[in-house]
C-alpha atoms as a PDB file:
ATOM      1  CA  MET A   1       7.654   5.645   6.155  1.00  0.00           C
ATOM      2  CA  ALA A   2       6.432   2.985   3.769  1.00  0.00           C
ATOM      3  CA  LEU A   3       7.133   2.853   0.094  1.00  0.00           C
ATOM      4  CA  GLU A   4       4.416   4.223  -2.183  1.00  0.00           C
ATOM      5  CA  ARG A   5       4.484   0.974  -4.118  1.00  0.00           C
ATOM      6  CA  GLU A   6       3.408  -0.897  -0.984  1.00  0.00           C
ATOM      7  CA  LYS A   7       0.582   1.571  -0.386  1.00  0.00           C
ATOM      8  CA  HIS A   8      -0.652   0.836  -3.903  1.00  0.00           C
ATOM      9  CA  LEU A   9      -0.504  -2.907  -3.278  1.00  0.00           C
ATOM     10  CA  ALA A  10      -2.383  -2.459   0.004  1.00  0.00           C
ATOM     11  CA  GLU A  11      -5.227  -0.657  -1.741  1.00  0.00           C
ATOM     12  CA  ARG A  12      -5.352  -3.403  -4.356  1.00  0.00           C
ATOM     13  CA  SER A  13      -5.592  -5.992  -1.582  1.00  0.00           C
ATOM     14  CA  LEU A  14      -8.590  -4.157  -0.154  1.00  0.00           C
ATOM     15  CA  LEU A  15     -10.313  -4.617  -3.503  1.00  0.00           C
ATOM     16  CA  THR A  16      -9.325  -8.252  -4.078  1.00  0.00           C
ATOM     17  CA  LEU A  17     -10.043  -9.678  -0.618  1.00  0.00           C
ATOM     18  CA  THR A  18     -13.649 -10.679   0.028  1.00  0.00           C
ATOM     19  CA  GLU A  19     -15.693  -9.142   2.828  1.00  0.00           C
ATOM     20  CA  THR A  20     -15.502 -12.457   4.685  1.00  0.00           C
ATOM     21  CA  GLU A  21     -11.713 -12.481   4.427  1.00  0.00           C
ATOM     22  CA  LEU A  22     -11.490  -8.893   5.616  1.00  0.00           C
ATOM     23  CA  GLN A  23     -13.785  -9.615   8.557  1.00  0.00           C
ATOM     24  CA  ASP A  24     -11.661 -12.665   9.423  1.00  0.00           C
ATOM     25  CA  MET A  25      -8.560 -10.465   9.497  1.00  0.00           C
ATOM     26  CA  TYR A  26     -10.328  -7.963  11.732  1.00  0.00           C
ATOM     27  CA  ARG A  27     -11.523 -10.768  14.015  1.00  0.00           C
ATOM     28  CA  MET A  28      -7.995 -12.150  14.393  1.00  0.00           C
ATOM     29  CA  MET A  29      -6.511  -8.745  15.161  1.00  0.00           C
ATOM     30  CA  VAL A  30      -9.152  -8.138  17.834  1.00  0.00           C
ATOM     31  CA  LEU A  31      -8.650 -11.660  19.188  1.00  0.00           C
ATOM     32  CA  ILE A  32      -4.919 -11.092  19.620  1.00  0.00           C
ATOM     33  CA  ARG A  33      -5.450  -7.703  21.303  1.00  0.00           C
ATOM     34  CA  ARG A  34      -8.114  -8.969  23.715  1.00  0.00           C
ATOM     35  CA  PHE A  35      -6.053 -12.092  24.403  1.00  0.00           C
ATOM     36  CA  GLU A  36      -3.020 -10.006  25.326  1.00  0.00           C
ATOM     37  CA  ASP A  37      -5.061  -7.648  27.484  1.00  0.00           C
ATOM     38  CA  LYS A  38      -6.466 -10.635  29.339  1.00  0.00           C
ATOM     39  CA  VAL A  39      -2.999 -12.151  29.713  1.00  0.00           C
ATOM     40  CA  ALA A  40      -1.836  -8.929  31.367  1.00  0.00           C
ATOM     41  CA  GLU A  41      -4.773  -9.149  33.778  1.00  0.00           C
ATOM     42  CA  MET A  42      -4.102 -12.807  34.576  1.00  0.00           C
ATOM     43  CA  TYR A  43      -0.412 -12.058  35.099  1.00  0.00           C
ATOM     44  CA  MET A  44      -1.223  -9.346  37.629  1.00  0.00           C
ATOM     45  CA  ARG A  45      -3.542 -11.797  39.403  1.00  0.00           C
ATOM     46  CA  GLY A  46      -0.754 -14.388  39.645  1.00  0.00           C
ATOM     47  CA  LYS A  47      -2.373 -16.905  37.301  1.00  0.00           C
ATOM     48  CA  ILE A  48       0.542 -16.504  34.875  1.00  0.00           C
ATOM     49  CA  THR A  49       4.146 -16.289  36.078  1.00  0.00           C
ATOM     50  CA  GLY A  50       7.622 -16.073  34.631  1.00  0.00           C
ATOM     51  CA  PHE A  51       8.673 -13.981  31.659  1.00  0.00           C
ATOM     52  CA  CYS A  52       5.823 -12.652  29.542  1.00  0.00           C
ATOM     53  CA  HIS A  53       6.148 -10.401  26.495  1.00  0.00           C
ATOM     54  CA  LEU A  54       2.940  -8.988  25.027  1.00  0.00           C
ATOM     55  CA  TYR A  55       2.165  -8.248  21.372  1.00  0.00           C
ATOM     56  CA  ALA A  56      -0.465  -5.515  21.731  1.00  0.00           C
ATOM     57  CA  GLY A  57       0.015  -2.873  19.031  1.00  0.00           C
ATOM     58  CA  GLU A  58       1.785  -5.175  16.575  1.00  0.00           C
ATOM     59  CA  GLU A  59      -1.234  -7.256  15.503  1.00  0.00           C
ATOM     60  CA  ALA A  60      -1.192  -6.032  11.899  1.00  0.00           C
ATOM     61  CA  VAL A  61       2.176  -7.673  11.278  1.00  0.00           C
ATOM     62  CA  ALA A  62       1.253 -11.189  12.401  1.00  0.00           C
ATOM     63  CA  VAL A  63      -2.223 -11.145  10.870  1.00  0.00           C
ATOM     64  CA  GLY A  64      -1.199  -9.528   7.594  1.00  0.00           C
ATOM     65  CA  ALA A  65       1.795 -11.778   7.060  1.00  0.00           C
ATOM     66  CA  ILE A  66       0.283 -15.102   8.105  1.00  0.00           C
ATOM     67  CA  ARG A  67      -2.909 -14.434   6.109  1.00  0.00           C
ATOM     68  CA  ALA A  68      -0.639 -14.334   3.028  1.00  0.00           C
ATOM     69  CA  LEU A  69       0.768 -17.821   3.713  1.00  0.00           C
ATOM     70  CA  TYR A  70      -0.559 -21.271   2.902  1.00  0.00           C
ATOM     71  CA  ASP A  71      -1.693 -23.513   5.754  1.00  0.00           C
ATOM     72  CA  LYS A  72       1.290 -25.846   5.323  1.00  0.00           C
ATOM     73  CA  ASP A  73       3.865 -23.070   5.345  1.00  0.00           C
ATOM     74  CA  TYR A  74       6.062 -22.929   8.435  1.00  0.00           C
ATOM     75  CA  VAL A  75       6.257 -20.071  10.939  1.00  0.00           C
ATOM     76  CA  VAL A  76       9.178 -19.439  13.296  1.00  0.00           C
ATOM     77  CA  SER A  77       8.816 -16.766  15.961  1.00  0.00           C
ATOM     78  CA  THR A  78      10.426 -15.067  18.953  1.00  0.00           C
ATOM     79  CA  TYR A  79       9.595 -14.860  22.650  1.00  0.00           C
ATOM     80  CA  ARG A  80       6.870 -12.285  21.768  1.00  0.00           C
ATOM     81  CA  GLU A  81       4.920 -14.944  19.884  1.00  0.00           C
ATOM     82  CA  HIS A  82       1.373 -15.189  21.269  1.00  0.00           C
ATOM     83  CA  GLY A  83       0.025 -13.239  18.296  1.00  0.00           C
ATOM     84  CA  HIS A  84       1.873 -15.307  15.707  1.00  0.00           C
ATOM     85  CA  CYS A  85       0.701 -18.566  17.255  1.00  0.00           C
ATOM     86  CA  LEU A  86      -2.926 -17.434  17.339  1.00  0.00           C
ATOM     87  CA  ALA A  87      -2.745 -16.073  13.790  1.00  0.00           C
ATOM     88  CA  LYS A  88      -1.402 -19.446  12.625  1.00  0.00           C
ATOM     89  CA  GLY A  89      -4.593 -21.021  13.916  1.00  0.00           C
ATOM     90  CA  ALA A  90      -3.850 -22.136  17.469  1.00  0.00           C
ATOM     91  CA  SER A  91      -6.788 -22.395  19.838  1.00  0.00           C
ATOM     92  CA  PRO A  92      -6.937 -19.468  22.284  1.00  0.00           C
ATOM     93  CA  LYS A  93      -7.936 -21.973  24.961  1.00  0.00           C
ATOM     94  CA  ARG A  94      -4.793 -24.064  24.446  1.00  0.00           C
ATOM     95  CA  VAL A  95      -2.516 -21.027  24.254  1.00  0.00           C
ATOM     96  CA  MET A  96      -4.014 -19.579  27.452  1.00  0.00           C
ATOM     97  CA  ALA A  97      -3.667 -22.975  29.133  1.00  0.00           C
ATOM     98  CA  GLU A  98       0.007 -23.011  28.177  1.00  0.00           C
ATOM     99  CA  LEU A  99       0.515 -19.632  29.795  1.00  0.00           C
ATOM    100  CA  PHE A 100      -1.189 -21.004  32.898  1.00  0.00           C
ATOM    101  CA  GLY A 101       1.283 -23.932  32.809  1.00  0.00           C
ATOM    102  CA  LYS A 102      -1.459 -26.512  32.326  1.00  0.00           C
ATOM    103  CA  ALA A 103      -1.283 -29.964  30.719  1.00  0.00           C
ATOM    104  CA  THR A 104      -3.794 -28.918  28.057  1.00  0.00           C
ATOM    105  CA  GLY A 105      -1.485 -26.188  26.739  1.00  0.00           C
ATOM    106  CA  VAL A 106       0.035 -26.230  23.265  1.00  0.00           C
ATOM    107  CA  SER A 107       3.379 -27.260  24.776  1.00  0.00           C
ATOM    108  CA  ARG A 108       1.742 -29.392  27.492  1.00  0.00           C
ATOM    109  CA  GLY A 109       2.472 -26.740  30.109  1.00  0.00           C
ATOM    110  CA  ARG A 110       6.225 -27.063  29.688  1.00  0.00           C
ATOM    111  CA  GLY A 111       6.928 -24.054  27.503  1.00  0.00           C
ATOM    112  CA  GLY A 112       5.041 -21.130  28.953  1.00  0.00           C
ATOM    113  CA  SER A 113       4.843 -17.748  27.305  1.00  0.00           C
ATOM    114  CA  MET A 114       8.157 -17.865  25.435  1.00  0.00           C
ATOM    115  CA  HIS A 115       8.034 -21.407  24.078  1.00  0.00           C
ATOM    116  CA  LEU A 116       4.716 -22.023  22.335  1.00  0.00           C
ATOM    117  CA  PHE A 117       4.904 -24.816  19.743  1.00  0.00           C
ATOM    118  CA  ASP A 118       2.362 -26.583  17.545  1.00  0.00           C
ATOM    119  CA  ALA A 119       3.847 -28.917  14.963  1.00  0.00           C
ATOM    120  CA  GLU A 120       0.443 -29.798  13.495  1.00  0.00           C
ATOM    121  CA  LEU A 121      -0.078 -26.136  12.592  1.00  0.00           C
ATOM    122  CA  ARG A 122       3.570 -25.890  11.507  1.00  0.00           C
ATOM    123  CA  PHE A 123       4.116 -23.223  14.100  1.00  0.00           C
ATOM    124  CA  MET A 124       7.683 -24.185  14.883  1.00  0.00           C
ATOM    125  CA  GLY A 125       8.140 -22.345  18.112  1.00  0.00           C
ATOM    126  CA  GLY A 126       8.959 -19.167  19.897  1.00  0.00           C
ATOM    127  CA  TYR A 127      12.595 -18.802  20.938  1.00  0.00           C
ATOM    128  CA  ALA A 128      13.879 -16.928  23.968  1.00  0.00           C
ATOM    129  CA  ILE A 129      17.351 -16.312  22.526  1.00  0.00           C
ATOM    130  CA  VAL A 130      17.395 -13.107  20.479  1.00  0.00           C
ATOM    131  CA  GLY A 131      17.901 -14.146  16.860  1.00  0.00           C
ATOM    132  CA  GLY A 132      17.772 -17.809  17.866  1.00  0.00           C
ATOM    133  CA  GLY A 133      14.971 -18.660  15.440  1.00  0.00           C
ATOM    134  CA  LEU A 134      16.794 -17.357  12.361  1.00  0.00           C
ATOM    135  CA  PRO A 135      19.177 -20.288  11.764  1.00  0.00           C
ATOM    136  CA  LEU A 136      16.370 -22.737  12.542  1.00  0.00           C
ATOM    137  CA  ALA A 137      14.257 -21.092   9.842  1.00  0.00           C
ATOM    138  CA  ALA A 138      17.135 -21.581   7.418  1.00  0.00           C
ATOM    139  CA  GLY A 139      17.306 -25.230   8.443  1.00  0.00           C
ATOM    140  CA  LEU A 140      13.613 -25.670   7.734  1.00  0.00           C
ATOM    141  CA  GLY A 141      14.091 -23.958   4.389  1.00  0.00           C
ATOM    142  CA  LEU A 142      16.966 -26.289   3.544  1.00  0.00           C
ATOM    143  CA  SER A 143      14.789 -29.295   4.420  1.00  0.00           C
ATOM    144  CA  ILE A 144      12.007 -28.020   2.139  1.00  0.00           C
ATOM    145  CA  GLN A 145      14.482 -27.465  -0.665  1.00  0.00           C
ATOM    146  CA  TYR A 146      16.131 -30.865  -0.194  1.00  0.00           C
ATOM    147  CA  LYS A 147      12.788 -32.683  -0.323  1.00  0.00           C
ATOM    148  CA  GLU A 148      11.556 -30.477  -3.189  1.00  0.00           C
ATOM    149  CA  GLU A 149       8.434 -29.482  -1.296  1.00  0.00           C
ATOM    150  CA  PRO A 150       6.229 -26.473  -2.176  1.00  0.00           C
ATOM    151  CA  GLU A 151       6.184 -24.842   1.262  1.00  0.00           C
ATOM    152  CA  ILE A 152       8.068 -21.799   2.524  1.00  0.00           C
ATOM    153  CA  VAL A 153       9.167 -20.564   5.942  1.00  0.00           C
ATOM    154  CA  CYS A 154       8.114 -17.248   7.469  1.00  0.00           C
ATOM    155  CA  CYS A 155      10.562 -16.143  10.160  1.00  0.00           C
ATOM    156  CA  PHE A 156       9.663 -13.295  12.530  1.00  0.00           C
ATOM    157  CA  PHE A 157      12.291 -11.475  14.588  1.00  0.00           C
ATOM    158  CA  GLY A 158      12.729  -8.116  16.268  1.00  0.00           C
ATOM    159  CA  ASP A 159      15.017  -5.218  15.449  1.00  0.00           C
ATOM    160  CA  GLY A 160      17.210  -6.298  18.370  1.00  0.00           C
ATOM    161  CA  ALA A 161      18.248  -9.386  16.394  1.00  0.00           C
ATOM    162  CA  ILE A 162      19.844  -7.363  13.581  1.00  0.00           C
ATOM    163  CA  PRO A 163      23.256  -6.925  15.292  1.00  0.00           C
ATOM    164  CA  GLN A 164      23.388 -10.638  16.159  1.00  0.00           C
ATOM    165  CA  GLY A 165      25.799 -12.818  14.232  1.00  0.00           C
ATOM    166  CA  ALA A 166      22.997 -15.325  13.685  1.00  0.00           C
ATOM    167  CA  PHE A 167      21.135 -12.777  11.545  1.00  0.00           C
ATOM    168  CA  HIS A 168      24.046 -12.191   9.196  1.00  0.00           C
ATOM    169  CA  GLU A 169      25.126 -15.821   9.005  1.00  0.00           C
ATOM    170  CA  THR A 170      21.576 -16.905   8.255  1.00  0.00           C
ATOM    171  CA  LEU A 171      20.980 -14.317   5.539  1.00  0.00           C
ATOM    172  CA  ASN A 172      24.294 -15.215   3.930  1.00  0.00           C
ATOM    173  CA  LEU A 173      23.481 -18.927   3.721  1.00  0.00           C
ATOM    174  CA  ALA A 174      19.848 -18.338   2.801  1.00  0.00           C
ATOM    175  CA  SER A 175      20.941 -16.203  -0.126  1.00  0.00           C
ATOM    176  CA  LEU A 176      23.774 -18.496  -1.146  1.00  0.00           C
ATOM    177  CA  TRP A 177      21.505 -21.544  -1.217  1.00  0.00           C
ATOM    178  CA  LYS A 178      18.359 -19.671  -2.361  1.00  0.00           C
ATOM    179  CA  LEU A 179      16.357 -20.967   0.573  1.00  0.00           C
ATOM    180  CA  PRO A 180      12.553 -20.419   0.565  1.00  0.00           C
ATOM    181  CA  VAL A 181      12.449 -18.179   3.629  1.00  0.00           C
ATOM    182  CA  VAL A 182      10.625 -14.880   4.140  1.00  0.00           C
ATOM    183  CA  PHE A 183      12.318 -12.940   6.926  1.00  0.00           C
ATOM    184  CA  ILE A 184      10.099 -10.391   8.691  1.00  0.00           C
ATOM    185  CA  CYS A 185      11.753  -7.894  11.013  1.00  0.00           C
ATOM    186  CA  GLU A 186       9.250  -6.379  13.439  1.00  0.00           C
ATOM    187  CA  ASN A 187      10.918  -3.025  14.019  1.00  0.00           C
ATOM    188  CA  ASN A 188       9.309  -1.551  17.115  1.00  0.00           C
ATOM    189  CA  PHE A 189      12.255   0.815  17.681  1.00  0.00           C
ATOM    190  CA  TYR A 190      13.440  -0.679  20.960  1.00  0.00           C
ATOM    191  CA  GLY A 191      15.603  -3.680  21.774  1.00  0.00           C
ATOM    192  CA  MET A 192      14.363  -4.033  25.327  1.00  0.00           C
ATOM    193  CA  GLY A 193      14.892  -0.409  26.433  1.00  0.00           C
ATOM    194  CA  THR A 194      17.569   0.567  23.915  1.00  0.00           C
ATOM    195  CA  LEU A 195      16.561   2.767  20.992  1.00  0.00           C
ATOM    196  CA  THR A 196      17.622   1.244  17.673  1.00  0.00           C
ATOM    197  CA  GLN A 197      19.539   4.426  16.791  1.00  0.00           C
ATOM    198  CA  ARG A 198      21.900   3.660  19.677  1.00  0.00           C
ATOM    199  CA  ALA A 199      22.445   0.046  18.693  1.00  0.00           C
ATOM    200  CA  ILE A 200      22.205  -0.298  14.905  1.00  0.00           C
ATOM    201  CA  CYS A 201      24.222   1.694  12.374  1.00  0.00           C
ATOM    202  CA  GLN A 202      21.551   1.500   9.641  1.00  0.00           C
ATOM    203  CA  GLN A 203      18.135   2.938  10.506  1.00  0.00           C
ATOM    204  CA  GLU A 204      16.366   1.551   7.428  1.00  0.00           C
ATOM    205  CA  LEU A 205      16.721  -2.050   8.485  1.00  0.00           C
ATOM    206  CA  TYR A 206      15.469  -3.580   5.242  1.00  0.00           C
ATOM    207  CA  ARG A 207      18.676  -2.308   3.625  1.00  0.00           C
ATOM    208  CA  PHE A 208      20.602  -5.047   5.426  1.00  0.00           C
ATOM    209  CA  ALA A 209      19.223  -7.363   2.735  1.00  0.00           C
ATOM    210  CA  GLN A 210      21.224  -5.672  -0.007  1.00  0.00           C
ATOM    211  CA  PRO A 211      24.739  -6.919   0.918  1.00  0.00           C
ATOM    212  CA  TYR A 212      23.376 -10.467   0.781  1.00  0.00           C
ATOM    213  CA  ASN A 213      21.697  -9.993  -2.612  1.00  0.00           C
ATOM    214  CA  ILE A 214      18.256 -10.410  -1.081  1.00  0.00           C
ATOM    215  CA  PRO A 215      15.250  -8.250  -2.014  1.00  0.00           C
ATOM    216  CA  GLY A 216      14.167  -6.044   0.863  1.00  0.00           C
ATOM    217  CA  VAL A 217      11.276  -3.697   1.522  1.00  0.00           C
ATOM    218  CA  ARG A 218      10.021  -1.501   4.367  1.00  0.00           C
ATOM    219  CA  VAL A 219       6.289  -1.460   5.083  1.00  0.00           C
ATOM    220  CA  ASP A 220       3.927   0.208   7.526  1.00  0.00           C
ATOM    221  CA  GLY A 221       3.549  -2.452  10.203  1.00  0.00           C
ATOM    222  CA  MET A 222       0.457  -0.693  11.563  1.00  0.00           C
ATOM    223  CA  ASP A 223      -1.399  -1.351   8.282  1.00  0.00           C
ATOM    224  CA  VAL A 224      -2.520  -4.970   8.014  1.00  0.00           C
ATOM    225  CA  LEU A 225      -3.236  -4.733   4.279  1.00  0.00           C
ATOM    226  CA  GLU A 226       0.177  -3.298   3.523  1.00  0.00           C
ATOM    227  CA  VAL A 227       1.848  -6.138   5.415  1.00  0.00           C
ATOM    228  CA  TYR A 228      -0.391  -8.641   3.645  1.00  0.00           C
ATOM    229  CA  ALA A 229       0.434  -7.259   0.197  1.00  0.00           C
ATOM    230  CA  ALA A 230       4.170  -7.267   0.830  1.00  0.00           C
ATOM    231  CA  THR A 231       4.098 -10.820   2.175  1.00  0.00           C
ATOM    232  CA  VAL A 232       2.080 -12.103  -0.779  1.00  0.00           C
ATOM    233  CA  GLU A 233       4.834 -10.861  -3.071  1.00  0.00           C
ATOM    234  CA  ALA A 234       7.649 -12.094  -0.846  1.00  0.00           C
ATOM    235  CA  ALA A 235       6.063 -15.531  -0.438  1.00  0.00           C
ATOM    236  CA  ALA A 236       5.638 -15.908  -4.198  1.00  0.00           C
ATOM    237  CA  HIS A 237       9.285 -14.940  -4.690  1.00  0.00           C
ATOM    238  CA  ALA A 238      10.453 -17.603  -2.233  1.00  0.00           C
ATOM    239  CA  ARG A 239       8.000 -20.281  -3.400  1.00  0.00           C
ATOM    240  CA  GLU A 240       9.063 -19.907  -7.022  1.00  0.00           C
ATOM    241  CA  GLY A 241      12.662 -20.756  -6.171  1.00  0.00           C
ATOM    242  CA  HIS A 242      14.135 -17.254  -6.246  1.00  0.00           C
ATOM    243  CA  GLY A 243      15.413 -17.416  -2.691  1.00  0.00           C
ATOM    244  CA  PRO A 244      14.781 -15.415   0.496  1.00  0.00           C
ATOM    245  CA  TYR A 245      13.132 -12.030   0.997  1.00  0.00           C
ATOM    246  CA  LEU A 246      13.386  -9.493   3.835  1.00  0.00           C
ATOM    247  CA  ILE A 247      10.470  -7.360   5.022  1.00  0.00           C
ATOM    248  CA  GLU A 248      10.929  -4.647   7.625  1.00  0.00           C
ATOM    249  CA  ALA A 249       7.559  -3.935   9.255  1.00  0.00           C
ATOM    250  CA  VAL A 250       7.685  -0.669  11.202  1.00  0.00           C
ATOM    251  CA  THR A 251       5.439  -1.128  14.217  1.00  0.00           C
ATOM    252  CA  TYR A 252       5.137  -0.276  17.909  1.00  0.00           C
ATOM    253  CA  ARG A 253       4.455  -2.267  21.048  1.00  0.00           C
ATOM    254  CA  PHE A 254       1.902  -0.562  23.264  1.00  0.00           C
ATOM    255  CA  ARG A 255       3.292  -2.106  26.448  1.00  0.00           C
ATOM    256  CA  GLY A 256       6.817  -2.412  27.795  1.00  0.00           C
ATOM    257  CA  HIS A 257       9.321  -5.008  26.697  1.00  0.00           C
ATOM    258  CA  SER A 258       7.843  -7.454  29.191  1.00  0.00           C
ATOM    259  CA  MET A 259       5.337  -7.432  32.025  1.00  0.00           C
ATOM    260  CA  SER A 260       8.127  -6.350  34.385  1.00  0.00           C
ATOM    261  CA  ASP A 261       9.053  -3.317  32.255  1.00  0.00           C
ATOM    262  CA  PRO A 262       7.350   0.039  33.014  1.00  0.00           C
ATOM    263  CA  ALA A 263       8.792   1.455  29.746  1.00  0.00           C
ATOM    264  CA  GLU A 264       9.938   4.673  31.407  1.00  0.00           C
ATOM    265  CA  TYR A 265      12.480   5.175  28.611  1.00  0.00           C
ATOM    266  CA  ARG A 266       9.622   6.202  26.276  1.00  0.00           C
ATOM    267  CA  SER A 267       7.869   9.548  26.471  1.00  0.00           C
ATOM    268  CA  LYS A 268       4.111   9.752  26.938  1.00  0.00           C
ATOM    269  CA  ARG A 269       3.926  11.894  23.816  1.00  0.00           C
ATOM    270  CA  GLU A 270       5.614   9.198  21.751  1.00  0.00           C
ATOM    271  CA  GLU A 271       3.215   6.586  23.076  1.00  0.00           C
ATOM    272  CA  ARG A 272       0.177   8.772  22.291  1.00  0.00           C
ATOM    273  CA  ILE A 273       1.359   9.365  18.729  1.00  0.00           C
ATOM    274  CA  TRP A 274       1.625   5.651  18.062  1.00  0.00           C
ATOM    275  CA  GLN A 275      -1.611   4.779  19.844  1.00  0.00           C
ATOM    276  CA  GLU A 276      -3.367   7.183  17.486  1.00  0.00           C
ATOM    277  CA  ARG A 277      -2.167   4.867  14.715  1.00  0.00           C
ATOM    278  CA  ASP A 278      -3.665   1.813  16.427  1.00  0.00           C
ATOM    279  CA  PRO A 279      -3.785  -0.863  13.679  1.00  0.00           C
ATOM    280  CA  ILE A 280      -7.178  -2.212  14.769  1.00  0.00           C
ATOM    281  CA  LYS A 281      -8.888   1.177  14.858  1.00  0.00           C
ATOM    282  CA  ARG A 282      -7.385   2.088  11.464  1.00  0.00           C
ATOM    283  CA  PHE A 283      -8.526  -1.165   9.896  1.00  0.00           C
ATOM    284  CA  ARG A 284     -11.985  -0.823  11.436  1.00  0.00           C
ATOM    285  CA  ARG A 285     -12.397   2.642   9.885  1.00  0.00           C
ATOM    286  CA  ARG A 286     -11.297   1.309   6.521  1.00  0.00           C
ATOM    287  CA  LEU A 287     -13.781  -1.569   6.683  1.00  0.00           C
ATOM    288  CA  ILE A 288     -16.640   0.764   7.554  1.00  0.00           C
ATOM    289  CA  GLU A 289     -15.692   2.912   4.559  1.00  0.00           C
ATOM    290  CA  ARG A 290     -15.992  -0.281   2.514  1.00  0.00           C
ATOM    291  CA  ARG A 291     -19.577  -0.578   3.760  1.00  0.00           C
ATOM    292  CA  ILE A 292     -19.012  -3.306   6.338  1.00  0.00           C
ATOM    293  CA  SER A 293     -21.321  -2.040   9.054  1.00  0.00           C
ATOM    294  CA  ALA A 294     -20.167  -0.973  12.482  1.00  0.00           C
ATOM    295  CA  ALA A 295     -22.849  -3.291  13.882  1.00  0.00           C
ATOM    296  CA  THR A 296     -21.172  -6.266  12.175  1.00  0.00           C
ATOM    297  CA  LEU A 297     -17.800  -5.344  13.639  1.00  0.00           C
ATOM    298  CA  ASP A 298     -19.341  -4.757  17.078  1.00  0.00           C
ATOM    299  CA  GLN A 299     -20.783  -8.266  16.923  1.00  0.00           C
ATOM    300  CA  ILE A 300     -17.323  -9.635  16.138  1.00  0.00           C
ATOM    301  CA  ASP A 301     -15.968  -7.752  19.161  1.00  0.00           C
ATOM    302  CA  ARG A 302     -18.579  -9.343  21.430  1.00  0.00           C
ATOM    303  CA  GLU A 303     -17.917 -12.832  20.071  1.00  0.00           C
ATOM    304  CA  VAL A 304     -14.199 -12.404  20.656  1.00  0.00           C
ATOM    305  CA  ASP A 305     -14.787 -11.225  24.225  1.00  0.00           C
ATOM    306  CA  ALA A 306     -16.805 -14.368  24.919  1.00  0.00           C
ATOM    307  CA  GLU A 307     -14.111 -16.540  23.334  1.00  0.00           C
ATOM    308  CA  ILE A 308     -11.418 -15.006  25.536  1.00  0.00           C
ATOM    309  CA  GLU A 309     -13.494 -15.514  28.682  1.00  0.00           C
ATOM    310  CA  GLU A 310     -13.983 -19.145  27.695  1.00  0.00           C
ATOM    311  CA  ALA A 311     -10.226 -19.505  27.156  1.00  0.00           C
ATOM    312  CA  VAL A 312      -9.562 -18.285  30.695  1.00  0.00           C
ATOM    313  CA  ARG A 313     -12.185 -20.639  32.136  1.00  0.00           C
ATOM    314  CA  PHE A 314     -10.686 -23.575  30.204  1.00  0.00           C
ATOM    315  CA  ALA A 315      -7.163 -22.765  31.362  1.00  0.00           C
ATOM    316  CA  ASP A 316      -8.180 -22.268  34.979  1.00  0.00           C
ATOM    317  CA  GLU A 317     -10.032 -25.581  35.111  1.00  0.00           C
ATOM    318  CA  SER A 318      -7.387 -27.603  33.231  1.00  0.00           C
ATOM    319  CA  PRO A 319      -5.155 -30.017  35.185  1.00  0.00           C
ATOM    320  CA  ASP A 320      -1.531 -29.358  36.000  1.00  0.00           C
ATOM    321  CA  PRO A 321       1.043 -31.592  34.282  1.00  0.00           C
ATOM    322  CA  ASP A 322       1.486 -34.855  36.168  1.00  0.00           C
ATOM    323  CA  VAL A 323       4.755 -35.035  38.089  1.00  0.00           C
ATOM    324  CA  SER A 324       5.298 -38.571  36.764  1.00  0.00           C
ATOM    325  CA  GLU A 325       5.865 -37.084  33.300  1.00  0.00           C
ATOM    326  CA  VAL A 326       8.609 -34.685  34.351  1.00  0.00           C
ATOM    327  CA  THR A 327      11.235 -36.514  32.265  1.00  0.00           C
ATOM    328  CA  LYS A 328       9.060 -36.917  29.177  1.00  0.00           C
ATOM    329  CA  TYR A 329       9.782 -34.905  26.034  1.00  0.00           C
ATOM    330  CA  VAL A 330      13.342 -34.186  27.148  1.00  0.00           C
ATOM    331  CA  TYR A 331      14.678 -36.231  24.230  1.00  0.00           C
ATOM    332  CA  VAL A 332      13.067 -37.046  20.887  1.00  0.00           C
ATOM    333  CA  ASP A 333      11.663 -40.568  20.795  1.00  0.00           C
ATOM    334  CA  ALA A 334      13.621 -42.877  18.503  1.00  0.00           C
END
């Protein structure tokens, strides 16, 4: 699946990252998984309503990629963005409060699951329109280039965005203007319930970079270190003025497209095969082989569980947005 070169870079990353950094990556992956599991529970209990798309199974992509960025780099996401927002540094309490529609949420209760936004963290939003974040990422890249700033943009999108005109228009301009954007396609094989083979003519999606003279690579999106290594290289390429880069991270969502999707279009055998490649379990085994004790990782698990419970308590006790502010934030203040 992944190129041997990326496997080599992943092993090198294991040697160059400190134990603290590796534990932080493990903690964030577990945090995202437990957060999403709790969101599913709260949705079933009616605490969260509306559209809700969970990220469980894909944690290695968000954590590996965002760990490779600088704090001031920008991230643009999709409607499946809880994991990206948390990996960028958002408080689980504020993200959970947003899903509850509370005033203390990252978007003040106005965005919900699909529209998280935190300008201070330079998390520039999740977008409900498939492929809708791609041209915005190019716009951010153009702004960076115009102001001669050192930052880059990391733009996440799903395989379902590949056939969209916005994808091709954005890659064309990004290449033409050498914009500092790293495009990361999270290929989980299904655009809603449609298998990519029935919707996209090219099955190796990173090859779509070639017609636009952009470097492209396919990586194992269930291996956090492989994603990290590829993004380090891609980010350096963009930051040094060489233009955009496309990474295809092959991954798998453990739940349906959304909370209303029973995912009956997938076989149980297929699901079992991918669950055996669970990115958290794989990374945990690798860390133990590196002599990070199971007891240390168990302690991280317990701390994360407590943090998630606190996030739910905070969200549940937070106030609803005041009706008097219903017209606020509709337009940008002059």
